[in-house]
Amino acid sequence: MIGFWRTWCPSCKEEQRNMQILFEKYKQKGFTYIGINIDNQKSVSKVKSYAATMGFTFPVILDTDKELFQMYGGSEEAVPYYFIIGKNKKVLNTHLGYKIGDEKMIEDEIIEALGVKE
């Protein structure tokens, strides 16, 4: 799963907190999550500090020029933006935005992509 997010976006922060939980829960079953931050170059130290403070154990990549974000179809108005890639390397699910409760839907999609039973 790849998720694009910003440090100043409240729904992005909520999503990242929940992704940390899901990452820890499913990483032993083959789940990988990469958080790609799309803040600008001036915010790099804030991103690193935030990730450390939150205890993120998943990789956090900086995309300050938004090259990856645009390559994967991201839109400035729509963050967080994430997608789940299956074992066959095909995109299975894509989502724009996040609201409390979406983590259950995301978890169901992760379980389906991994082909595991809870």
Protein backbone atom coordinates (compact mmCIF):
# COMPACT_ATOMS: atom_id res chain seq x y z
CA MET A 1 0.00 0.00 0.00
CA ILE A 2 1.23 3.47 -0.84
CA GLY A 3 -0.23 6.57 0.79
CA PHE A 4 0.44 10.21 -0.05
CA TRP A 5 0.02 12.66 2.84
CA ARG A 6 0.92 16.08 4.30
CA THR A 7 1.88 17.03 7.85
CA TRP A 8 -0.60 19.93 8.01
CA CYS A 9 -3.58 17.84 6.83
CA PRO A 10 -5.71 16.62 9.80
CA SER A 11 -7.25 13.70 7.89
CA CYS A 12 -3.76 12.70 6.66
CA LYS A 13 -2.50 12.60 10.23
CA GLU A 14 -5.42 10.43 11.32
CA GLU A 15 -4.86 8.09 8.39
CA GLN A 16 -1.14 7.77 9.12
CA ARG A 17 -1.81 6.93 12.79
CA ASN A 18 -4.16 4.16 11.70
CA MET A 19 -1.79 2.95 9.00
CA GLN A 20 0.88 2.46 11.66
CA ILE A 21 -1.52 0.16 13.53
CA LEU A 22 -2.43 -1.78 10.39
CA PHE A 23 1.20 -1.99 9.29
CA GLU A 24 2.22 -3.54 12.61
CA LYS A 25 -0.76 -5.90 12.55
CA TYR A 26 -0.19 -7.27 9.04
CA LYS A 27 3.52 -6.84 8.23
CA GLN A 28 4.28 -10.42 9.32
CA LYS A 29 1.68 -11.59 6.80
CA GLY A 30 3.36 -9.80 3.92
CA PHE A 31 1.80 -6.32 4.12
CA THR A 32 4.02 -3.38 3.26
CA TYR A 33 3.06 0.27 3.65
CA ILE A 34 5.00 3.24 2.32
CA GLY A 35 3.99 6.73 3.43
CA ILE A 36 4.99 9.34 0.88
CA ASN A 37 4.94 12.87 2.21
CA ILE A 38 4.26 15.63 -0.32
CA ASP A 39 5.07 18.66 1.83
CA ASN A 40 7.46 21.17 0.26
CA GLN A 41 11.24 21.26 0.73
CA LYS A 42 10.93 23.74 3.64
CA SER A 43 8.97 21.17 5.66
CA VAL A 44 11.44 18.28 5.45
CA SER A 45 12.58 18.65 9.07
CA LYS A 46 8.95 18.78 10.25
CA VAL A 47 8.17 15.54 8.39
CA LYS A 48 11.12 13.70 9.92
CA SER A 49 10.31 15.02 13.38
CA TYR A 50 6.63 14.15 13.05
CA ALA A 51 7.36 10.61 11.85
CA ALA A 52 9.78 10.05 14.72
CA THR A 53 7.41 11.51 17.31
CA MET A 54 4.56 9.33 16.05
CA GLY A 55 6.79 6.26 16.13
CA PHE A 56 6.21 5.32 12.51
CA THR A 57 8.01 2.08 11.71
CA PHE A 58 6.93 2.03 8.07
CA PRO A 59 9.10 3.77 5.48
CA VAL A 60 8.42 7.48 5.00
CA ILE A 61 9.57 8.89 1.69
CA LEU A 62 9.74 12.58 0.82
CA ASP A 63 8.31 13.69 -2.52
CA THR A 64 8.87 17.44 -2.19
CA ASP A 65 8.64 18.04 -5.93
CA LYS A 66 5.46 15.89 -6.07
CA GLU A 67 6.89 13.91 -8.98
CA LEU A 68 5.74 10.54 -7.60
CA PHE A 69 2.42 12.02 -6.54
CA GLN A 70 1.69 13.26 -10.04
CA MET A 71 3.03 10.08 -11.66
CA TYR A 72 0.49 8.06 -9.66
CA GLY A 73 -2.43 10.35 -10.50
CA GLY A 74 -2.49 12.53 -7.39
CA SER A 75 -4.39 15.80 -7.32
CA GLU A 76 -3.47 18.77 -5.11
CA GLU A 77 -7.01 18.97 -3.73
CA ALA A 78 -7.21 15.31 -2.79
CA VAL A 79 -5.06 14.12 0.08
CA PRO A 80 -4.66 11.74 1.59
CA TYR A 81 -4.51 9.66 -1.55
CA TYR A 82 -3.67 6.00 -1.34
CA PHE A 83 -3.78 2.79 -3.28
CA ILE A 84 -3.33 -0.89 -2.58
CA ILE A 85 -1.23 -2.97 -4.92
CA GLY A 86 -1.83 -6.71 -5.05
CA LYS A 87 0.70 -9.52 -5.18
CA ASN A 88 0.33 -9.48 -8.97
CA LYS A 89 1.51 -5.83 -8.95
CA LYS A 90 -1.86 -4.52 -10.12
CA VAL A 91 -3.63 -1.67 -8.34
CA LEU A 92 -6.57 -3.21 -6.47
CA ASN A 93 -8.06 -0.19 -4.71
CA THR A 94 -7.59 3.58 -4.89
CA HIS A 95 -9.01 6.11 -2.44
CA LEU A 96 -9.08 9.88 -2.10
CA GLY A 97 -9.53 11.43 1.32
CA TYR A 98 -9.98 9.84 4.72
CA LYS A 99 -12.51 10.02 7.51
CA ILE A 100 -12.65 8.28 10.86
CA GLY A 101 -13.94 4.77 10.32
CA ASP A 102 -12.26 4.31 6.93
CA GLU A 103 -9.59 2.23 8.64
CA LYS A 104 -12.00 -0.74 8.77
CA MET A 105 -12.58 -0.56 5.01
CA ILE A 106 -8.82 -0.25 4.46
CA GLU A 107 -8.18 -3.23 6.73
CA ASP A 108 -10.72 -5.31 4.81
CA GLU A 109 -8.98 -4.38 1.55
CA ILE A 110 -5.59 -5.30 3.02
CA ILE A 111 -6.91 -8.69 4.17
CA GLU A 112 -8.38 -9.32 0.73
CA ALA A 113 -5.15 -8.29 -1.03
CA LEU A 114 -3.06 -10.52 1.22
CA GLY A 115 -5.48 -13.42 0.91
CA VAL A 116 -5.32 -14.04 4.67
CA LYS A 117 -7.92 -14.78 7.27
CA GLU A 118 -8.04 -12.79 10.49
